[in-house]
N, C-alpha and C. Protein backbone atom coordinates (compact mmCIF):
# COMPACT_ATOMS: atom_id res chain seq x y z
N MET A 1 -0.19 -18.84 2.06
CA MET A 1 0.84 -19.60 2.69
C MET A 1 1.98 -18.84 3.39
N LYS A 2 2.38 -19.01 4.48
CA LYS A 2 3.49 -18.12 5.21
C LYS A 2 4.70 -19.08 5.24
N SER A 3 4.67 -20.21 5.00
CA SER A 3 5.86 -21.01 4.99
C SER A 3 5.67 -22.19 4.07
N GLY A 4 6.84 -23.04 3.92
CA GLY A 4 6.76 -24.13 3.00
C GLY A 4 5.76 -25.26 3.64
N ASN A 5 5.35 -25.93 2.59
CA ASN A 5 4.11 -26.99 2.89
C ASN A 5 4.48 -28.43 2.16
N ALA A 6 4.52 -29.34 2.98
CA ALA A 6 4.97 -30.84 2.34
C ALA A 6 3.54 -31.38 1.44
N ASP A 7 2.48 -30.62 1.53
CA ASP A 7 1.31 -31.02 0.79
C ASP A 7 1.57 -31.23 -0.73
N ILE A 8 2.54 -30.46 -1.32
CA ILE A 8 2.80 -30.60 -2.45
C ILE A 8 3.34 -31.97 -3.00
N TYR A 9 3.97 -32.63 -1.98
CA TYR A 9 4.51 -33.94 -2.24
C TYR A 9 3.23 -34.95 -2.22
N ARG A 10 2.55 -34.66 -1.20
CA ARG A 10 1.45 -35.94 -0.86
C ARG A 10 0.51 -35.46 -1.95
N ASN A 11 0.15 -34.37 -2.50
CA ASN A 11 -0.88 -34.37 -3.50
C ASN A 11 -0.58 -34.05 -4.89
N GLU A 12 0.93 -34.20 -5.08
CA GLU A 12 1.57 -33.91 -6.34
C GLU A 12 1.12 -32.65 -7.19
N ILE A 13 1.05 -31.48 -6.34
CA ILE A 13 0.72 -30.40 -6.81
C ILE A 13 1.93 -29.52 -6.97
N PRO A 14 2.30 -29.13 -8.15
CA PRO A 14 3.52 -28.31 -8.36
C PRO A 14 3.38 -26.96 -7.54
N GLY A 15 4.55 -26.53 -6.96
CA GLY A 15 4.58 -25.50 -5.88
C GLY A 15 3.84 -24.28 -6.58
N GLY A 16 4.14 -23.82 -7.77
CA GLY A 16 3.36 -22.68 -8.46
C GLY A 16 1.95 -22.91 -8.64
N GLN A 17 1.61 -23.99 -8.88
CA GLN A 17 0.02 -24.45 -8.97
C GLN A 17 -0.54 -24.33 -7.72
N TYR A 18 0.08 -24.94 -6.59
CA TYR A 18 -0.64 -24.86 -5.35
C TYR A 18 -1.08 -23.53 -4.98
N THR A 19 -0.26 -22.42 -5.06
CA THR A 19 -0.78 -21.15 -4.67
C THR A 19 -1.89 -20.53 -5.63
N ASN A 20 -1.81 -20.84 -6.91
CA ASN A 20 -2.75 -20.66 -7.90
C ASN A 20 -4.07 -21.34 -7.53
N LEU A 21 -3.93 -22.62 -7.21
CA LEU A 21 -5.23 -23.36 -6.96
C LEU A 21 -5.84 -22.99 -5.75
N GLN A 22 -4.89 -22.64 -4.83
CA GLN A 22 -5.58 -22.11 -3.41
C GLN A 22 -6.41 -20.74 -3.70
N PHE A 23 -5.82 -19.88 -4.46
CA PHE A 23 -6.51 -18.49 -4.92
C PHE A 23 -7.64 -18.93 -5.59
N GLN A 24 -7.71 -19.79 -6.60
CA GLN A 24 -8.85 -19.98 -7.37
C GLN A 24 -10.04 -20.74 -6.50
N SER A 25 -9.63 -21.52 -5.66
CA SER A 25 -10.53 -22.12 -4.75
C SER A 25 -11.34 -21.05 -3.89
N PHE A 26 -10.57 -20.40 -3.47
CA PHE A 26 -11.17 -19.14 -2.56
C PHE A 26 -12.12 -18.39 -3.52
N SER A 27 -11.67 -17.97 -4.76
CA SER A 27 -12.28 -17.25 -5.69
C SER A 27 -13.79 -17.98 -6.05
N LEU A 28 -13.83 -19.32 -6.14
CA LEU A 28 -14.84 -20.21 -6.47
C LEU A 28 -15.80 -20.37 -5.29
N GLY A 29 -15.48 -19.83 -4.00
CA GLY A 29 -16.12 -20.28 -2.80
C GLY A 29 -15.76 -21.55 -2.21
N LEU A 30 -14.71 -21.97 -2.76
CA LEU A 30 -14.22 -23.45 -2.15
C LEU A 30 -13.28 -23.22 -1.18
N GLY A 31 -12.82 -22.00 -0.65
CA GLY A 31 -11.81 -21.88 0.29
C GLY A 31 -11.87 -22.71 1.51
N SER A 32 -13.12 -22.96 1.99
CA SER A 32 -13.27 -23.75 3.33
C SER A 32 -13.02 -25.20 2.88
N GLN A 33 -13.09 -25.67 1.53
CA GLN A 33 -13.00 -26.92 1.04
C GLN A 33 -11.66 -27.23 0.48
N PHE A 34 -10.74 -26.32 0.65
CA PHE A 34 -9.35 -26.45 0.09
C PHE A 34 -8.70 -27.95 0.39
N GLU A 35 -9.03 -28.41 1.65
CA GLU A 35 -8.36 -29.86 1.82
C GLU A 35 -9.08 -30.85 0.86
N GLU A 36 -10.36 -30.67 0.72
CA GLU A 36 -11.03 -31.60 -0.30
C GLU A 36 -10.41 -31.38 -1.76
N VAL A 37 -10.24 -30.11 -1.99
CA VAL A 37 -9.74 -29.84 -3.43
C VAL A 37 -8.39 -30.26 -3.70
N LYS A 38 -7.40 -30.56 -2.51
CA LYS A 38 -6.26 -31.01 -2.78
C LYS A 38 -6.28 -32.45 -2.83
N LYS A 39 -7.11 -33.01 -2.17
CA LYS A 39 -7.48 -34.68 -2.37
C LYS A 39 -7.87 -34.92 -3.65
N ALA A 40 -8.84 -33.96 -4.20
CA ALA A 40 -9.52 -34.40 -5.54
C ALA A 40 -8.44 -34.11 -6.41
N TYR A 41 -7.32 -33.38 -6.23
CA TYR A 41 -6.28 -33.06 -7.20
C TYR A 41 -5.68 -34.47 -7.57
N VAL A 42 -5.36 -35.32 -6.68
CA VAL A 42 -4.75 -36.65 -6.81
C VAL A 42 -5.63 -37.36 -7.67
N GLU A 43 -6.89 -37.39 -7.39
CA GLU A 43 -8.09 -38.22 -8.20
C GLU A 43 -7.98 -37.66 -9.50
N ALA A 44 -8.18 -36.45 -9.66
CA ALA A 44 -8.06 -35.93 -10.94
C ALA A 44 -6.98 -36.10 -11.83
N ASN A 45 -5.78 -35.98 -11.40
CA ASN A 45 -4.67 -36.39 -11.98
C ASN A 45 -4.74 -37.80 -12.64
N GLN A 46 -5.18 -38.67 -11.75
CA GLN A 46 -5.33 -40.08 -12.11
C GLN A 46 -6.32 -40.29 -13.17
N LEU A 47 -7.49 -39.60 -13.06
CA LEU A 47 -8.39 -39.63 -14.09
C LEU A 47 -7.86 -39.06 -15.49
N LEU A 48 -7.00 -38.26 -15.45
CA LEU A 48 -6.49 -37.69 -16.77
C LEU A 48 -5.17 -38.55 -17.19
N GLY A 49 -4.86 -39.47 -16.45
CA GLY A 49 -3.87 -40.39 -16.99
C GLY A 49 -2.60 -40.17 -16.27
N ASP A 50 -2.49 -39.70 -15.01
CA ASP A 50 -1.36 -39.23 -14.12
C ASP A 50 -0.38 -38.60 -15.22
N ILE A 51 -0.75 -37.31 -15.60
CA ILE A 51 -0.08 -36.40 -16.52
C ILE A 51 1.09 -35.89 -15.86
N ILE A 52 2.02 -35.54 -16.58
CA ILE A 52 3.01 -34.51 -16.36
C ILE A 52 2.49 -33.15 -16.01
N LYS A 53 2.72 -32.66 -14.99
CA LYS A 53 2.08 -31.37 -14.52
C LYS A 53 3.02 -30.30 -14.61
N VAL A 54 2.80 -29.42 -15.74
CA VAL A 54 3.42 -28.34 -15.95
C VAL A 54 2.40 -27.24 -16.58
N THR A 55 2.69 -26.07 -16.60
CA THR A 55 1.82 -25.08 -17.33
C THR A 55 1.55 -25.37 -18.74
N PRO A 56 0.44 -25.82 -19.22
CA PRO A 56 -0.90 -25.47 -18.56
C PRO A 56 -1.59 -26.76 -18.10
N SER A 57 -0.90 -28.02 -18.10
CA SER A 57 -1.63 -29.29 -17.83
C SER A 57 -1.86 -29.27 -16.16
N SER A 58 -1.03 -28.67 -15.39
CA SER A 58 -1.22 -28.58 -13.90
C SER A 58 -2.67 -27.88 -13.70
N LYS A 59 -2.95 -26.78 -14.51
CA LYS A 59 -4.30 -25.97 -14.35
C LYS A 59 -5.36 -26.90 -14.82
N VAL A 60 -5.28 -27.81 -15.71
CA VAL A 60 -6.30 -28.56 -16.18
C VAL A 60 -6.70 -29.57 -15.03
N VAL A 61 -5.64 -30.20 -14.38
CA VAL A 61 -5.87 -31.06 -13.10
C VAL A 61 -6.53 -30.21 -12.21
N GLY A 62 -6.12 -29.05 -11.69
CA GLY A 62 -6.85 -28.29 -10.67
C GLY A 62 -8.26 -27.87 -11.02
N ASP A 63 -8.40 -27.51 -12.30
CA ASP A 63 -9.69 -27.21 -12.76
C ASP A 63 -10.83 -28.43 -12.42
N LEU A 64 -10.25 -29.61 -13.01
CA LEU A 64 -11.09 -30.72 -12.73
C LEU A 64 -11.24 -31.04 -11.31
N ALA A 65 -10.21 -30.89 -10.51
CA ALA A 65 -10.34 -31.06 -9.00
C ALA A 65 -11.39 -30.28 -8.32
N GLN A 66 -11.39 -28.84 -8.84
CA GLN A 66 -12.37 -28.02 -8.31
C GLN A 66 -13.81 -28.39 -8.77
N PHE A 67 -13.98 -28.77 -9.97
CA PHE A 67 -15.02 -29.24 -10.46
C PHE A 67 -15.76 -30.43 -9.58
N MET A 68 -14.68 -31.28 -9.32
CA MET A 68 -15.20 -32.48 -8.74
C MET A 68 -15.71 -32.02 -7.26
N VAL A 69 -14.99 -31.13 -6.70
CA VAL A 69 -15.47 -30.75 -5.30
C VAL A 69 -16.80 -29.89 -5.33
N GLN A 70 -16.87 -29.02 -6.39
CA GLN A 70 -18.09 -28.17 -6.63
C GLN A 70 -19.30 -29.06 -6.82
N ASN A 71 -19.07 -30.28 -7.45
CA ASN A 71 -20.25 -31.09 -7.84
C ASN A 71 -20.57 -32.35 -6.86
N LYS A 72 -19.57 -32.42 -5.92
CA LYS A 72 -19.58 -33.52 -4.90
C LYS A 72 -19.23 -34.76 -5.80
N LEU A 73 -18.29 -34.98 -6.42
CA LEU A 73 -18.00 -36.16 -7.37
C LEU A 73 -16.55 -36.70 -6.96
N ASN A 74 -16.74 -38.01 -7.09
CA ASN A 74 -15.48 -38.61 -6.59
C ASN A 74 -14.98 -39.13 -8.25
N ALA A 75 -13.86 -39.89 -8.11
CA ALA A 75 -13.37 -40.39 -9.55
C ALA A 75 -14.24 -41.25 -10.23
N GLN A 76 -14.68 -42.21 -9.24
CA GLN A 76 -15.68 -43.25 -9.79
C GLN A 76 -16.75 -42.60 -10.61
N GLN A 77 -17.43 -41.81 -9.84
CA GLN A 77 -18.78 -41.06 -10.21
C GLN A 77 -18.34 -40.16 -11.63
N VAL A 78 -17.04 -39.47 -11.71
CA VAL A 78 -16.82 -38.83 -12.85
C VAL A 78 -16.57 -39.78 -14.11
N GLU A 79 -16.08 -41.11 -13.90
CA GLU A 79 -15.97 -41.82 -14.90
C GLU A 79 -17.24 -42.54 -15.29
N GLU A 80 -18.26 -42.70 -14.34
CA GLU A 80 -19.53 -43.39 -14.70
C GLU A 80 -20.49 -42.40 -15.26
N ARG A 81 -20.50 -40.88 -15.02
CA ARG A 81 -21.30 -39.95 -15.39
C ARG A 81 -20.59 -39.08 -16.51
N ALA A 82 -19.57 -39.20 -16.96
CA ALA A 82 -18.82 -38.48 -17.98
C ALA A 82 -19.53 -37.81 -19.10
N ASP A 83 -20.24 -38.85 -19.60
CA ASP A 83 -21.02 -38.40 -20.85
C ASP A 83 -22.10 -37.43 -20.62
N GLU A 84 -22.56 -37.37 -19.22
CA GLU A 84 -23.72 -36.16 -19.06
C GLU A 84 -23.12 -35.02 -18.21
N LEU A 85 -21.88 -35.06 -17.79
CA LEU A 85 -21.31 -33.92 -17.12
C LEU A 85 -21.02 -32.81 -18.02
N SER A 86 -20.90 -31.60 -17.50
CA SER A 86 -20.47 -30.49 -18.20
C SER A 86 -19.12 -30.04 -17.74
N PHE A 87 -18.02 -30.61 -18.41
CA PHE A 87 -16.62 -30.27 -17.77
C PHE A 87 -16.32 -28.88 -18.15
N PRO A 88 -15.29 -28.45 -17.16
CA PRO A 88 -14.76 -27.19 -17.51
C PRO A 88 -14.12 -27.24 -19.04
N LYS A 89 -13.77 -26.08 -19.58
CA LYS A 89 -13.44 -25.82 -20.94
C LYS A 89 -11.94 -26.44 -20.95
N SER A 90 -11.01 -26.10 -20.04
CA SER A 90 -9.75 -26.64 -20.11
C SER A 90 -9.70 -28.11 -20.05
N VAL A 91 -10.50 -28.84 -19.46
CA VAL A 91 -10.49 -30.24 -19.40
C VAL A 91 -11.09 -31.01 -20.69
N VAL A 92 -11.87 -30.23 -21.13
CA VAL A 92 -12.50 -30.75 -22.72
C VAL A 92 -11.35 -30.44 -23.61
N GLU A 93 -10.79 -29.37 -23.63
CA GLU A 93 -9.90 -28.98 -24.51
C GLU A 93 -8.47 -30.03 -24.45
N PHE A 94 -8.32 -30.17 -23.23
CA PHE A 94 -7.15 -31.30 -22.92
C PHE A 94 -7.45 -32.70 -23.74
N PHE A 95 -8.78 -33.17 -23.33
CA PHE A 95 -9.13 -34.34 -23.98
C PHE A 95 -9.08 -34.22 -25.58
N GLN A 96 -9.39 -33.01 -26.01
CA GLN A 96 -9.53 -32.92 -27.50
C GLN A 96 -8.07 -32.83 -27.96
N GLY A 97 -7.04 -32.72 -27.18
CA GLY A 97 -5.52 -32.79 -27.75
C GLY A 97 -5.06 -31.33 -27.95
N PHE A 98 -5.54 -30.30 -27.64
CA PHE A 98 -5.38 -28.99 -27.81
C PHE A 98 -4.00 -28.60 -27.10
N ILE A 99 -3.50 -29.47 -26.14
CA ILE A 99 -2.38 -29.00 -25.41
C ILE A 99 -1.24 -30.08 -25.88
N GLY A 100 -1.67 -30.90 -26.85
CA GLY A 100 -0.60 -32.22 -27.18
C GLY A 100 -1.29 -33.41 -26.66
N GLN A 101 -0.32 -34.47 -26.72
CA GLN A 101 -0.77 -35.92 -26.38
C GLN A 101 0.06 -36.12 -25.13
N PRO A 102 -0.72 -36.61 -23.96
CA PRO A 102 -0.08 -36.88 -22.93
C PRO A 102 0.81 -38.37 -22.91
N TYR A 103 1.89 -38.18 -22.38
CA TYR A 103 2.76 -39.57 -22.21
C TYR A 103 1.63 -40.73 -22.06
N GLY A 104 1.88 -41.70 -22.77
CA GLY A 104 0.88 -43.04 -22.61
C GLY A 104 -0.41 -42.83 -23.16
N GLY A 105 -0.68 -41.61 -23.53
CA GLY A 105 -2.11 -41.47 -24.38
C GLY A 105 -3.07 -41.08 -23.40
N PHE A 106 -4.36 -40.94 -23.82
CA PHE A 106 -5.39 -40.35 -23.19
C PHE A 106 -6.29 -41.71 -22.61
N PRO A 107 -6.67 -41.53 -21.29
CA PRO A 107 -7.55 -42.60 -20.79
C PRO A 107 -8.73 -42.66 -21.50
N GLU A 108 -9.08 -43.87 -21.91
CA GLU A 108 -10.32 -44.27 -22.42
C GLU A 108 -10.98 -45.20 -21.64
N PRO A 109 -12.56 -45.27 -21.58
CA PRO A 109 -13.27 -44.42 -22.33
C PRO A 109 -13.64 -42.97 -22.06
N LEU A 110 -13.08 -42.53 -20.83
CA LEU A 110 -13.14 -41.18 -20.44
C LEU A 110 -13.03 -40.13 -21.50
N ARG A 111 -11.98 -40.26 -22.21
CA ARG A 111 -11.67 -39.16 -23.37
C ARG A 111 -13.04 -39.12 -24.29
N SER A 112 -13.28 -40.27 -24.80
CA SER A 112 -14.49 -40.30 -25.79
C SER A 112 -15.76 -39.74 -25.07
N LYS A 113 -15.94 -40.03 -23.79
CA LYS A 113 -17.39 -39.69 -23.10
C LYS A 113 -17.11 -38.05 -22.98
N VAL A 114 -15.84 -37.63 -22.52
CA VAL A 114 -15.86 -36.10 -22.51
C VAL A 114 -15.86 -35.30 -23.87
N VAL A 115 -15.19 -35.69 -24.80
CA VAL A 115 -15.05 -35.24 -26.04
C VAL A 115 -16.40 -35.28 -26.75
N LYS A 116 -17.06 -36.21 -26.72
CA LYS A 116 -18.26 -36.64 -27.60
C LYS A 116 -18.19 -36.51 -29.01
N GLN A 117 -18.76 -35.45 -29.64
CA GLN A 117 -18.71 -35.30 -31.02
C GLN A 117 -17.80 -34.25 -31.42
N LEU A 118 -17.19 -33.65 -30.52
CA LEU A 118 -16.08 -32.43 -30.67
C LEU A 118 -15.04 -33.18 -31.55
N PRO A 119 -14.25 -32.19 -32.20
CA PRO A 119 -13.18 -32.72 -33.12
C PRO A 119 -12.00 -32.86 -32.02
N ALA A 120 -11.29 -33.73 -32.45
CA ALA A 120 -10.05 -34.21 -31.42
C ALA A 120 -8.93 -34.36 -32.36
N ILE A 121 -7.65 -33.80 -31.76
CA ILE A 121 -6.60 -33.75 -32.40
C ILE A 121 -5.62 -34.96 -31.87
N ASP A 122 -5.05 -35.67 -32.87
CA ASP A 122 -4.23 -36.82 -32.46
C ASP A 122 -2.75 -36.48 -33.13
N GLY A 123 -1.78 -36.42 -32.33
CA GLY A 123 -0.64 -35.96 -32.93
C GLY A 123 -0.26 -34.50 -32.34
N ARG A 124 0.66 -34.04 -32.97
CA ARG A 124 1.22 -32.60 -32.49
C ARG A 124 0.00 -31.60 -33.08
N PRO A 125 -0.37 -30.79 -32.01
CA PRO A 125 -1.43 -29.82 -32.21
C PRO A 125 -1.19 -29.04 -33.66
N GLY A 126 -0.07 -28.48 -33.83
CA GLY A 126 0.22 -27.66 -34.98
C GLY A 126 0.53 -28.37 -36.32
N GLU A 127 0.50 -29.83 -36.15
CA GLU A 127 1.22 -30.51 -37.31
C GLU A 127 0.56 -30.14 -38.63
N THR A 128 -0.83 -30.06 -38.70
CA THR A 128 -1.74 -30.07 -39.85
C THR A 128 -2.03 -28.49 -40.21
N LEU A 129 -1.55 -27.55 -39.46
CA LEU A 129 -1.77 -26.12 -39.71
C LEU A 129 -0.99 -25.79 -41.10
N PRO A 130 -1.52 -24.90 -41.77
CA PRO A 130 -0.80 -24.33 -43.03
C PRO A 130 0.05 -23.54 -42.60
N PRO A 131 1.39 -23.18 -43.21
CA PRO A 131 2.30 -22.19 -42.93
C PRO A 131 1.57 -20.71 -42.66
N LEU A 132 2.20 -20.07 -41.80
CA LEU A 132 1.57 -18.80 -41.39
C LEU A 132 2.61 -17.68 -42.06
N ASP A 133 1.63 -16.60 -42.63
CA ASP A 133 2.55 -15.56 -43.61
C ASP A 133 2.55 -14.47 -42.36
N PHE A 134 3.70 -14.23 -41.93
CA PHE A 134 3.89 -13.27 -40.70
C PHE A 134 3.71 -11.80 -41.40
N ASP A 135 4.07 -11.60 -42.63
CA ASP A 135 4.00 -10.19 -43.29
C ASP A 135 2.58 -9.91 -43.45
N ALA A 136 1.65 -10.97 -43.92
CA ALA A 136 0.46 -10.57 -44.03
C ALA A 136 -0.54 -10.50 -42.90
N LEU A 137 -0.04 -11.18 -41.79
CA LEU A 137 -0.57 -10.95 -40.39
C LEU A 137 -0.14 -9.68 -39.78
N SER A 138 0.86 -9.27 -40.21
CA SER A 138 1.41 -7.94 -39.72
C SER A 138 0.69 -6.84 -40.38
N THR A 139 0.44 -6.86 -41.61
CA THR A 139 -0.45 -5.90 -42.36
C THR A 139 -1.98 -6.05 -41.95
N GLU A 140 -2.45 -7.25 -41.73
CA GLU A 140 -3.81 -7.36 -41.17
C GLU A 140 -4.18 -6.66 -39.80
N LEU A 141 -3.03 -6.91 -38.87
CA LEU A 141 -2.92 -6.23 -37.55
C LEU A 141 -2.91 -4.76 -37.49
N THR A 142 -2.17 -4.23 -38.57
CA THR A 142 -2.01 -2.81 -38.79
C THR A 142 -3.23 -2.25 -39.13
N GLU A 143 -4.15 -2.86 -40.08
CA GLU A 143 -5.35 -2.38 -40.76
C GLU A 143 -6.28 -2.63 -39.66
N LYS A 144 -6.16 -3.58 -38.90
CA LYS A 144 -7.32 -3.67 -37.82
C LYS A 144 -7.28 -2.86 -36.71
N HIS A 145 -6.09 -2.67 -36.19
CA HIS A 145 -5.68 -1.85 -34.95
C HIS A 145 -5.33 -0.46 -35.27
N GLY A 146 -4.91 -0.32 -36.40
CA GLY A 146 -4.41 1.28 -36.91
C GLY A 146 -3.30 1.80 -36.12
N THR A 147 -2.38 0.95 -35.63
CA THR A 147 -1.41 1.54 -34.93
C THR A 147 0.13 0.71 -35.35
N PHE A 148 1.05 1.29 -34.79
CA PHE A 148 2.39 0.41 -34.90
C PHE A 148 2.24 -0.99 -34.50
N ILE A 149 2.73 -1.95 -35.37
CA ILE A 149 2.70 -3.29 -34.98
C ILE A 149 4.13 -3.76 -35.12
N SER A 150 4.65 -4.27 -33.89
CA SER A 150 6.07 -4.80 -33.70
C SER A 150 6.03 -6.12 -34.05
N ASP A 151 7.17 -6.84 -34.30
CA ASP A 151 7.34 -8.33 -34.52
C ASP A 151 6.79 -9.05 -33.15
N VAL A 152 6.96 -8.40 -32.05
CA VAL A 152 6.48 -9.01 -30.86
C VAL A 152 4.84 -9.19 -30.92
N ASP A 153 4.48 -8.12 -31.42
CA ASP A 153 2.86 -8.11 -31.46
C ASP A 153 2.44 -9.09 -32.59
N VAL A 154 3.13 -9.21 -33.62
CA VAL A 154 2.92 -10.19 -34.53
C VAL A 154 2.84 -11.74 -33.95
N MET A 155 3.96 -11.99 -33.28
CA MET A 155 4.11 -13.25 -32.68
C MET A 155 3.06 -13.38 -31.52
N SER A 156 2.81 -12.35 -30.76
CA SER A 156 1.66 -12.55 -29.84
C SER A 156 0.34 -12.90 -30.41
N SER A 157 0.09 -12.18 -31.60
CA SER A 157 -1.21 -12.61 -32.09
C SER A 157 -1.18 -13.82 -32.90
N ALA A 158 -0.15 -14.29 -33.41
CA ALA A 158 -0.06 -15.55 -33.87
C ALA A 158 -0.24 -16.72 -32.97
N LEU A 159 0.23 -16.47 -31.60
CA LEU A 159 -0.11 -17.64 -30.68
C LEU A 159 -1.31 -17.37 -29.98
N TYR A 160 -1.69 -16.15 -29.55
CA TYR A 160 -2.88 -15.80 -28.81
C TYR A 160 -3.70 -14.75 -29.45
N PRO A 161 -4.59 -15.00 -30.59
CA PRO A 161 -4.95 -13.98 -31.36
C PRO A 161 -6.16 -13.09 -30.38
N LYS A 162 -6.92 -13.82 -29.71
CA LYS A 162 -8.02 -13.03 -28.81
C LYS A 162 -7.31 -12.27 -28.00
N VAL A 163 -6.36 -12.90 -27.23
CA VAL A 163 -5.64 -12.25 -25.90
C VAL A 163 -4.91 -10.76 -26.79
N PHE A 164 -4.35 -10.97 -27.89
CA PHE A 164 -3.72 -9.97 -28.49
C PHE A 164 -4.63 -8.83 -28.89
N ASP A 165 -5.67 -9.33 -29.60
CA ASP A 165 -6.81 -8.29 -29.92
C ASP A 165 -7.30 -7.39 -28.73
N ASP A 166 -7.65 -8.36 -27.61
CA ASP A 166 -8.09 -7.59 -26.46
C ASP A 166 -7.04 -6.60 -25.75
N PHE A 167 -5.70 -7.06 -25.87
CA PHE A 167 -4.51 -6.07 -25.48
C PHE A 167 -4.46 -4.88 -26.38
N ALA A 168 -4.61 -5.03 -27.91
CA ALA A 168 -4.38 -3.94 -28.69
C ALA A 168 -5.57 -3.06 -28.57
N ASN A 169 -6.86 -3.49 -28.31
CA ASN A 169 -7.96 -2.55 -28.02
C ASN A 169 -7.72 -1.97 -26.74
N PHE A 170 -7.23 -2.48 -25.66
CA PHE A 170 -7.00 -1.95 -24.30
C PHE A 170 -5.91 -0.76 -24.70
N ARG A 171 -4.91 -1.14 -25.36
CA ARG A 171 -3.88 -0.16 -25.70
C ARG A 171 -4.47 1.15 -26.53
N LYS A 172 -5.09 0.81 -27.53
CA LYS A 172 -5.80 1.95 -28.16
C LYS A 172 -6.72 2.75 -27.35
N GLU A 173 -7.41 2.26 -26.47
CA GLU A 173 -8.28 3.05 -25.49
C GLU A 173 -7.66 3.76 -24.56
N TYR A 174 -6.53 3.07 -23.90
CA TYR A 174 -5.78 3.84 -22.78
C TYR A 174 -4.47 4.35 -23.13
N GLY A 175 -3.90 4.17 -24.38
CA GLY A 175 -2.61 4.78 -24.73
C GLY A 175 -1.65 3.73 -24.93
N LEU A 176 -0.59 4.08 -25.54
CA LEU A 176 0.53 3.34 -26.12
C LEU A 176 1.38 3.33 -25.01
N TRP A 177 1.72 1.87 -24.51
CA TRP A 177 2.75 1.80 -23.69
C TRP A 177 4.07 1.11 -24.58
N ILE A 178 4.95 1.97 -24.68
CA ILE A 178 6.14 1.27 -25.32
C ILE A 178 7.32 0.90 -24.60
N ALA A 179 7.26 0.89 -23.41
CA ALA A 179 8.39 0.48 -22.61
C ALA A 179 8.81 -0.96 -22.82
N TYR A 180 7.79 -1.72 -23.34
CA TYR A 180 7.88 -3.19 -23.43
C TYR A 180 8.64 -3.48 -24.83
N ARG A 181 8.68 -2.55 -25.72
CA ARG A 181 9.28 -2.73 -27.25
C ARG A 181 10.74 -2.35 -27.20
N PRO A 182 11.53 -3.49 -27.06
CA PRO A 182 13.03 -3.15 -27.00
C PRO A 182 13.41 -2.33 -28.45
N GLY A 183 14.27 -1.50 -28.32
CA GLY A 183 14.82 -0.77 -29.57
C GLY A 183 13.61 0.25 -30.10
N TYR A 184 12.62 0.36 -29.62
CA TYR A 184 11.53 1.28 -30.07
C TYR A 184 11.63 2.60 -29.54
N SER A 185 11.71 3.74 -30.23
CA SER A 185 11.77 4.94 -29.52
C SER A 185 10.83 6.05 -30.18
C-alpha cells in the first residue's frame, strides 16, 4: 500500500494486521484474491465470536480468513463442516484456549467441533502451571547450549522454549551477537 486505506474500518482489520495479511495472502498464492480474503476476515471474526483483535488474535482471524478463501468456504459452510475440516494450527489453539478466553466466551458448538478430543484450557492459560525455577532453567540452558546465558535468555526460553533453542543454536553456529545484551561486555 502506498497510501492510507479505509478498508481497515469496513473489514475491521487492525492496521498492522492489514499489511501482514496482505503479505501472507501473496505468499500463499492468494494475492489476486485479497479482496475475498478481506471479506472473509469479517466472516472469520464473527465465527470466532467477534473477538478483540490484537496480536496474536488478529492473526488467528487472518489465518481463518485465508483458510476459508483457500478452501472456498463461507461462514455457514465452516460451521456445518467444522468437525471434518483441518483448521490452521493457530485457529485450533485459539479454540483450545492457549491465548486466553475471549470476552463473552467461545462460540459453541464451533469450539467443540474444532477442538474435538484435544485438551482445552478454561480460565487463564498459566493458572495451573507449577512455579518456574529460573535458576534451574538457567543451569539447564547453560548445560544444553554451553554458552553464557543471560537473564534475557532465561526469560526468552521460559516464554518461547523452541524459539529460544533455535536462536541459541543459530547463535552457536554463526557466532555470539552481544549487542543486544545490556551491560554485557
